[in-house]
PDB file of N, CA and C in Angstrom:
ATOM      1  N   UNK A   1      92.469  90.419 109.979  1.00  0.00           N
ATOM      2  CA  UNK A   1      93.759  89.860 109.639  1.00  0.00           C
ATOM      3  C   UNK A   1      93.588  89.088 108.335  1.00  0.00           C
ATOM      4  N   UNK A   2      94.576  89.195 107.470  1.00  0.00           N
ATOM      5  CA  UNK A   2      94.553  88.486 106.201  1.00  0.00           C
ATOM      6  C   UNK A   2      95.464  87.265 106.261  1.00  0.00           C
ATOM      7  N   UNK A   3      94.954  86.145 105.745  1.00  0.00           N
ATOM      8  CA  UNK A   3      95.704  84.897 105.657  1.00  0.00           C
ATOM      9  C   UNK A   3      95.487  84.301 104.277  1.00  0.00           C
ATOM     10  N   UNK A   4      96.289  83.322 103.927  1.00  0.00           N
ATOM     11  CA  UNK A   4      96.093  82.592 102.672  1.00  0.00           C
ATOM     12  C   UNK A   4      95.387  81.284 102.960  1.00  0.00           C
ATOM     13  N   UNK A   5      94.403  80.961 102.118  1.00  0.00           N
ATOM     14  CA  UNK A   5      93.785  79.641 102.160  1.00  0.00           C
ATOM     15  C   UNK A   5      94.591  78.793 101.181  1.00  0.00           C
ATOM     16  N   UNK A   6      95.442  77.927 101.711  1.00  0.00           N
ATOM     17  CA  UNK A   6      96.428  77.204 100.905  1.00  0.00           C
ATOM     18  C   UNK A   6      95.821  76.385  99.757  1.00  0.00           C
ATOM     19  N   UNK A   7      94.747  75.606  99.961  1.00  0.00           N
ATOM     20  CA  UNK A   7      94.224  74.797  98.849  1.00  0.00           C
ATOM     21  C   UNK A   7      93.756  75.629  97.651  1.00  0.00           C
ATOM     22  N   UNK A   8      93.174  76.788  97.911  1.00  0.00           N
ATOM     23  CA  UNK A   8      92.649  77.617  96.823  1.00  0.00           C
ATOM     24  C   UNK A   8      93.620  78.722  96.408  1.00  0.00           C
ATOM     25  N   UNK A   9      94.706  78.901  97.167  1.00  0.00           N
ATOM     26  CA  UNK A   9      95.671  79.976  96.907  1.00  0.00           C
ATOM     27  C   UNK A   9      94.969  81.325  96.792  1.00  0.00           C
ATOM     28  N   UNK A  10      94.105  81.610  97.774  1.00  0.00           N
ATOM     29  CA  UNK A  10      93.362  82.867  97.779  1.00  0.00           C
ATOM     30  C   UNK A  10      93.546  83.545  99.133  1.00  0.00           C
ATOM     31  N   UNK A  11      93.587  84.854  99.114  1.00  0.00           N
ATOM     32  CA  UNK A  11      93.716  85.639 100.335  1.00  0.00           C
ATOM     33  C   UNK A  11      92.353  85.730 101.004  1.00  0.00           C
ATOM     34  N   UNK A  12      92.315  85.476 102.316  1.00  0.00           N
ATOM     35  CA  UNK A  12      91.054  85.598 103.051  1.00  0.00           C
ATOM     36  C   UNK A  12      91.224  86.594 104.187  1.00  0.00           C
ATOM     37  N   UNK A  13      90.119  87.219 104.560  1.00  0.00           N
ATOM     38  CA  UNK A  13      90.095  88.146 105.690  1.00  0.00           C
ATOM     39  C   UNK A  13      89.346  87.478 106.833  1.00  0.00           C
ATOM     40  N   UNK A  14      90.018  87.239 107.939  1.00  0.00           N
ATOM     41  CA  UNK A  14      89.386  86.626 109.106  1.00  0.00           C
ATOM     42  C   UNK A  14      88.489  87.677 109.748  1.00  0.00           C
ATOM     43  N   UNK A  15      87.210  87.339 109.919  1.00  0.00           N
ATOM     44  CA  UNK A  15      86.230  88.296 110.423  1.00  0.00           C
ATOM     45  C   UNK A  15      86.044  88.220 111.934  1.00  0.00           C
ATOM     46  N   UNK A  16      86.437  87.110 112.533  1.00  0.00           N
ATOM     47  CA  UNK A  16      86.297  86.938 113.979  1.00  0.00           C
ATOM     48  C   UNK A  16      87.653  86.487 114.531  1.00  0.00           C
ATOM     49  N   UNK A  17      88.480  87.436 114.924  1.00  0.00           N
ATOM     50  CA  UNK A  17      89.847  87.110 115.354  1.00  0.00           C
ATOM     51  C   UNK A  17      89.924  86.179 116.559  1.00  0.00           C
ATOM     52  N   UNK A  18      89.060  86.296 117.569  1.00  0.00           N
ATOM     53  CA  UNK A  18      89.168  85.346 118.687  1.00  0.00           C
ATOM     54  C   UNK A  18      89.060  83.880 118.249  1.00  0.00           C
ATOM     55  N   UNK A  19      88.308  83.591 117.187  1.00  0.00           N
ATOM     56  CA  UNK A  19      88.253  82.219 116.668  1.00  0.00           C
ATOM     57  C   UNK A  19      89.623  81.770 116.166  1.00  0.00           C
ATOM     58  N   UNK A  20      90.374  82.701 115.626  1.00  0.00           N
ATOM     59  CA  UNK A  20      91.674  82.370 115.046  1.00  0.00           C
ATOM     60  C   UNK A  20      92.661  81.891 116.099  1.00  0.00           C
ATOM     61  N   UNK A  21      92.746  82.582 117.212  1.00  0.00           N
ATOM     62  CA  UNK A  21      93.756  82.176 118.199  1.00  0.00           C
ATOM     63  C   UNK A  21      93.215  81.239 119.269  1.00  0.00           C
ATOM     64  N   UNK A  22      91.931  80.870 119.195  1.00  0.00           N
ATOM     65  CA  UNK A  22      91.364  79.889 120.124  1.00  0.00           C
ATOM     66  C   UNK A  22      91.708  78.485 119.616  1.00  0.00           C
ATOM     67  N   UNK A  23      92.569  77.742 120.313  1.00  0.00           N
ATOM     68  CA  UNK A  23      92.984  76.431 119.813  1.00  0.00           C
ATOM     69  C   UNK A  23      91.859  75.397 119.801  1.00  0.00           C
ATOM     70  N   UNK A  24      90.748  75.672 120.471  1.00  0.00           N
ATOM     71  CA  UNK A  24      89.625  74.737 120.486  1.00  0.00           C
ATOM     72  C   UNK A  24      88.692  74.937 119.290  1.00  0.00           C
ATOM     73  N   UNK A  25      88.891  75.999 118.537  1.00  0.00           N
ATOM     74  CA  UNK A  25      88.108  76.253 117.320  1.00  0.00           C
ATOM     75  C   UNK A  25      88.889  75.696 116.136  1.00  0.00           C
ATOM     76  N   UNK A  26      88.238  74.896 115.314  1.00  0.00           N
ATOM     77  CA  UNK A  26      88.916  74.294 114.165  1.00  0.00           C
ATOM     78  C   UNK A  26      88.666  75.056 112.870  1.00  0.00           C
ATOM     79  N   UNK A  27      87.698  75.971 112.894  1.00  0.00           N
ATOM     80  CA  UNK A  27      87.372  76.762 111.708  1.00  0.00           C
ATOM     81  C   UNK A  27      87.256  78.226 112.086  1.00  0.00           C
ATOM     82  N   UNK A  28      87.451  79.096 111.099  1.00  0.00           N
ATOM     83  CA  UNK A  28      87.288  80.533 111.318  1.00  0.00           C
ATOM     84  C   UNK A  28      86.316  81.093 110.287  1.00  0.00           C
ATOM     85  N   UNK A  29      85.577  82.112 110.694  1.00  0.00           N
ATOM     86  CA  UNK A  29      84.638  82.811 109.833  1.00  0.00           C
ATOM     87  C   UNK A  29      85.434  83.854 109.064  1.00  0.00           C
ATOM     88  N   UNK A  30      85.442  83.739 107.737  1.00  0.00           N
ATOM     89  CA  UNK A  30      86.284  84.614 106.929  1.00  0.00           C
ATOM     90  C   UNK A  30      85.654  84.862 105.563  1.00  0.00           C
ATOM     91  N   UNK A  31      86.224  85.844 104.880  1.00  0.00           N
ATOM     92  CA  UNK A  31      85.746  86.228 103.548  1.00  0.00           C
ATOM     93  C   UNK A  31      86.922  86.194 102.575  1.00  0.00           C
ATOM     94  N   UNK A  32      86.723  85.503 101.458  1.00  0.00           N
ATOM     95  CA  UNK A  32      87.761  85.446 100.426  1.00  0.00           C
ATOM     96  C   UNK A  32      87.848  86.782  99.708  1.00  0.00           C
ATOM     97  N   UNK A  33      89.046  87.163  99.364  1.00  0.00           N
ATOM     98  CA  UNK A  33      89.271  88.374  98.574  1.00  0.00           C
ATOM     99  C   UNK A  33      89.747  87.927  97.198  1.00  0.00           C
ATOM    100  N   UNK A  34      88.763  87.622  96.362  1.00  0.00           N
ATOM    101  CA  UNK A  34      89.045  87.169  95.003  1.00  0.00           C
ATOM    102  C   UNK A  34      88.020  87.800  94.075  1.00  0.00           C
ATOM    103  N   UNK A  35      88.469  88.312  92.986  1.00  0.00           N
ATOM    104  CA  UNK A  35      87.562  88.966  92.054  1.00  0.00           C
ATOM    105  C   UNK A  35      87.243  90.384  92.498  1.00  0.00           C
ATOM    106  N   UNK A  36      86.318  91.010  91.791  1.00  0.00           N
ATOM    107  CA  UNK A  36      85.992  92.404  92.069  1.00  0.00           C
ATOM    108  C   UNK A  36      84.867  92.565  93.081  1.00  0.00           C
ATOM    109  N   UNK A  37      83.985  91.574  93.179  1.00  0.00           N
ATOM    110  CA  UNK A  37      82.840  91.682  94.082  1.00  0.00           C
ATOM    111  C   UNK A  37      83.184  91.138  95.464  1.00  0.00           C
ATOM    112  N   UNK A  38      82.534  91.713  96.475  1.00  0.00           N
ATOM    113  CA  UNK A  38      82.696  91.239  97.849  1.00  0.00           C
ATOM    114  C   UNK A  38      82.129  89.824  97.943  1.00  0.00           C
ATOM    115  N   UNK A  39      82.923  88.913  98.457  1.00  0.00           N
ATOM    116  CA  UNK A  39      82.499  87.518  98.595  1.00  0.00           C
ATOM    117  C   UNK A  39      81.726  87.324  99.897  1.00  0.00           C
ATOM    118  N   UNK A  40      80.827  86.352  99.899  1.00  0.00           N
ATOM    119  CA  UNK A  40      80.088  86.029 101.117  1.00  0.00           C
ATOM    120  C   UNK A  40      81.024  85.332 102.101  1.00  0.00           C
ATOM    121  N   UNK A  41      80.876  85.622 103.394  1.00  0.00           N
ATOM    122  CA  UNK A  41      81.712  84.936 104.393  1.00  0.00           C
ATOM    123  C   UNK A  41      81.368  83.451 104.471  1.00  0.00           C
ATOM    124  N   UNK A  42      82.351  82.670 104.852  1.00  0.00           N
ATOM    125  CA  UNK A  42      82.155  81.240 105.065  1.00  0.00           C
ATOM    126  C   UNK A  42      83.198  80.745 106.062  1.00  0.00           C
ATOM    127  N   UNK A  43      83.020  79.526 106.531  1.00  0.00           N
ATOM    128  CA  UNK A  43      83.983  78.945 107.458  1.00  0.00           C
ATOM    129  C   UNK A  43      85.134  78.309 106.680  1.00  0.00           C
ATOM    130  N   UNK A  44      86.349  78.532 107.184  1.00  0.00           N
ATOM    131  CA  UNK A  44      87.560  77.948 106.607  1.00  0.00           C
ATOM    132  C   UNK A  44      88.264  77.145 107.696  1.00  0.00           C
ATOM    133  N   UNK A  45      88.696  75.913 107.386  1.00  0.00           N
ATOM    134  CA  UNK A  45      89.447  75.126 108.373  1.00  0.00           C
ATOM    135  C   UNK A  45      90.790  75.784 108.682  1.00  0.00           C
ATOM    136  N   UNK A  46      91.094  75.926 109.958  1.00  0.00           N
ATOM    137  CA  UNK A  46      92.362  76.547 110.354  1.00  0.00           C
ATOM    138  C   UNK A  46      93.565  75.743 109.868  1.00  0.00           C
ATOM    139  N   UNK A  47      93.398  74.444 109.724  1.00  0.00           N
ATOM    140  CA  UNK A  47      94.500  73.594 109.261  1.00  0.00           C
ATOM    141  C   UNK A  47      94.913  73.929 107.830  1.00  0.00           C
ATOM    142  N   UNK A  48      94.053  74.616 107.081  1.00  0.00           N
ATOM    143  CA  UNK A  48      94.343  74.960 105.686  1.00  0.00           C
ATOM    144  C   UNK A  48      94.818  76.399 105.523  1.00  0.00           C
ATOM    145  N   UNK A  49      95.035  77.112 106.621  1.00  0.00           N
ATOM    146  CA  UNK A  49      95.410  78.522 106.555  1.00  0.00           C
ATOM    147  C   UNK A  49      96.895  78.713 106.846  1.00  0.00           C
ATOM    148  N   UNK A  50      97.487  79.657 106.131  1.00  0.00           N
ATOM    149  CA  UNK A  50      98.880  80.044 106.360  1.00  0.00           C
ATOM    150  C   UNK A  50      98.976  81.562 106.267  1.00  0.00           C
ATOM    151  N   UNK A  51     100.053  82.109 106.801  1.00  0.00           N
ATOM    152  CA  UNK A  51     100.288  83.544 106.671  1.00  0.00           C
ATOM    153  C   UNK A  51     100.661  83.860 105.221  1.00  0.00           C
ATOM    154  N   UNK A  52     100.415  85.087 104.761  1.00  0.00           N
ATOM    155  CA  UNK A  52     100.800  85.457 103.393  1.00  0.00           C
ATOM    156  C   UNK A  52     102.287  85.227 103.100  1.00  0.00           C
ATOM    157  N   UNK A  53     103.122  85.244 104.127  1.00  0.00           N
ATOM    158  CA  UNK A  53     104.564  85.004 103.950  1.00  0.00           C
ATOM    159  C   UNK A  53     104.879  83.531 103.712  1.00  0.00           C
ATOM    160  N   UNK A  54     103.879  82.654 103.889  1.00  0.00           N
ATOM    161  CA  UNK A  54     104.085  81.222 103.708  1.00  0.00           C
ATOM    162  C   UNK A  54     104.285  80.469 105.005  1.00  0.00           C
ATOM    163  N   UNK A  55     104.378  81.186 106.120  1.00  0.00           N
ATOM    164  CA  UNK A  55     104.564  80.532 107.422  1.00  0.00           C
ATOM    165  C   UNK A  55     103.249  79.933 107.901  1.00  0.00           C
ATOM    166  N   UNK A  56     103.348  78.830 108.630  1.00  0.00           N
ATOM    167  CA  UNK A  56     102.153  78.213 109.194  1.00  0.00           C
ATOM    168  C   UNK A  56     101.694  78.986 110.428  1.00  0.00           C
ATOM    169  N   UNK A  57     100.465  78.721 110.832  1.00  0.00           N
ATOM    170  CA  UNK A  57      99.937  79.370 112.032  1.00  0.00           C
ATOM    171  C   UNK A  57     100.662  78.828 113.262  1.00  0.00           C
ATOM    172  N   UNK A  58     100.765  79.618 114.322  1.00  0.00           N
ATOM    173  CA  UNK A  58     101.408  79.133 115.548  1.00  0.00           C
ATOM    174  C   UNK A  58     100.683  77.911 116.107  1.00  0.00           C
ATOM    175  N   UNK A  59     101.443  76.980 116.607  1.00  0.00           N
ATOM    176  CA  UNK A  59     100.896  75.747 117.189  1.00  0.00           C
ATOM    177  C   UNK A  59      99.877  76.058 118.290  1.00  0.00           C
ATOM    178  N   UNK A  60     100.103  77.123 119.042  1.00  0.00           N
ATOM    179  CA  UNK A  60      99.202  77.498 120.137  1.00  0.00           C
ATOM    180  C   UNK A  60      97.821  77.900 119.625  1.00  0.00           C
ATOM    181  N   UNK A  61      97.697  78.246 118.361  1.00  0.00           N
ATOM    182  CA  UNK A  61      96.411  78.626 117.778  1.00  0.00           C
ATOM    183  C   UNK A  61      95.651  77.423 117.238  1.00  0.00           C
ATOM    184  N   UNK A  62      96.336  76.285 117.071  1.00  0.00           N
ATOM    185  CA  UNK A  62      95.741  75.125 116.402  1.00  0.00           C
ATOM    186  C   UNK A  62      95.555  73.934 117.340  1.00  0.00           C
ATOM    187  N   UNK A  63      96.533  73.682 118.192  1.00  0.00           N
ATOM    188  CA  UNK A  63      96.550  72.485 119.037  1.00  0.00           C
ATOM    189  C   UNK A  63      96.248  72.846 120.485  1.00  0.00           C
ATOM    190  N   UNK A  64      95.074  72.440 121.006  1.00  0.00           N
ATOM    191  CA  UNK A  64      94.751  72.786 122.392  1.00  0.00           C
ATOM    192  C   UNK A  64      95.686  72.132 123.415  1.00  0.00           C
ATOM    193  N   UNK A  65      96.435  71.133 123.000  1.00  0.00           N
ATOM    194  CA  UNK A  65      97.351  70.429 123.906  1.00  0.00           C
ATOM    195  C   UNK A  65      98.806  70.705 123.549  1.00  0.00           C
ATOM    196  N   UNK A  66      99.072  71.858 122.948  1.00  0.00           N
ATOM    197  CA  UNK A  66     100.428  72.147 122.481  1.00  0.00           C
ATOM    198  C   UNK A  66     101.448  72.170 123.608  1.00  0.00           C
ATOM    199  N   UNK A  67     101.059  72.544 124.793  1.00  0.00           N
ATOM    200  CA  UNK A  67     102.022  72.587 125.909  1.00  0.00           C
ATOM    201  C   UNK A  67     102.433  71.195 126.360  1.00  0.00           C
ATOM    202  N   UNK A  68     101.555  70.229 126.188  1.00  0.00           N
ATOM    203  CA  UNK A  68     101.881  68.854 126.579  1.00  0.00           C
ATOM    204  C   UNK A  68     102.960  68.270 125.668  1.00  0.00           C
ATOM    205  N   UNK A  69     103.084  68.807 124.461  1.00  0.00           N
ATOM    206  CA  UNK A  69     104.048  68.289 123.491  1.00  0.00           C
ATOM    207  C   UNK A  69     105.353  69.066 123.481  1.00  0.00           C
ATOM    208  N   UNK A  70     105.490  70.045 124.357  1.00  0.00           N
ATOM    209  CA  UNK A  70     106.700  70.859 124.410  1.00  0.00           C
ATOM    210  C   UNK A  70     107.536  70.403 125.601  1.00  0.00           C
ATOM    211  N   UNK A  71     108.768  69.941 125.361  1.00  0.00           N
ATOM    212  CA  UNK A  71     109.592  69.515 126.500  1.00  0.00           C
ATOM    213  C   UNK A  71     109.960  70.706 127.380  1.00  0.00           C
ATOM    214  N   UNK A  72     109.925  70.482 128.685  1.00  0.00           N
ATOM    215  CA  UNK A  72     110.269  71.539 129.627  1.00  0.00           C
ATOM    216  C   UNK A  72     111.792  71.653 129.731  1.00  0.00           C
ATOM    217  N   UNK A  73     112.330  72.855 129.670  1.00  0.00           N
ATOM    218  CA  UNK A  73     113.780  73.029 129.827  1.00  0.00           C
ATOM    219  C   UNK A  73     114.253  72.460 131.163  1.00  0.00           C
ATOM    220  N   UNK A  74     115.476  71.924 131.174  1.00  0.00           N
ATOM    221  CA  UNK A  74     116.011  71.278 132.376  1.00  0.00           C
ATOM    222  C   UNK A  74     116.030  72.201 133.579  1.00  0.00           C
ATOM    223  N   UNK A  75     116.397  73.465 133.378  1.00  0.00           N
ATOM    224  CA  UNK A  75     116.498  74.366 134.525  1.00  0.00           C
ATOM    225  C   UNK A  75     115.126  74.637 135.151  1.00  0.00           C
ATOM    226  N   UNK A  76     114.050  74.448 134.400  1.00  0.00           N
ATOM    227  CA  UNK A  76     112.715  74.622 134.971  1.00  0.00           C
ATOM    228  C   UNK A  76     112.198  73.333 135.592  1.00  0.00           C
ATOM    229  N   UNK A  77     112.506  72.194 134.982  1.00  0.00           N
ATOM    230  CA  UNK A  77     112.022  70.925 135.520  1.00  0.00           C
ATOM    231  C   UNK A  77     112.741  70.563 136.815  1.00  0.00           C
ATOM    232  N   UNK A  78     113.974  71.017 137.010  1.00  0.00           N
ATOM    233  CA  UNK A  78     114.723  70.740 138.234  1.00  0.00           C
ATOM    234  C   UNK A  78     114.147  71.505 139.419  1.00  0.00           C
ATOM    235  N   UNK A  79     113.450  72.598 139.153  1.00  0.00           N
ATOM    236  CA  UNK A  79     112.887  73.416 140.227  1.00  0.00           C
ATOM    237  C   UNK A  79     111.650  72.782 140.842  1.00  0.00           C
ATOM    238  N   UNK A  80     111.094  71.782 140.195  1.00  0.00           N
ATOM    239  CA  UNK A  80     109.868  71.146 140.703  1.00  0.00           C
ATOM    240  C   UNK A  80     110.151  70.255 141.846  1.00  0.00           C
TER     241      UNK A  80
END
């Protein structure tokens, strides 16, 4: 999967996708696509990555406690 590394404005290729959607991982192993030569892989902080369209990564991929911060709809909380 390709993402943008926002600070460097460079396209990167994520080499280990499970790291990307694991909210407990703060970095991903990726390779920058800049210049003509293949770049060496390195770790990139997930907090600095965005989709090529400019959208941020889903909260579920970054915050391990994202469900605790989401209010439960009334029709579901009444069923408890």
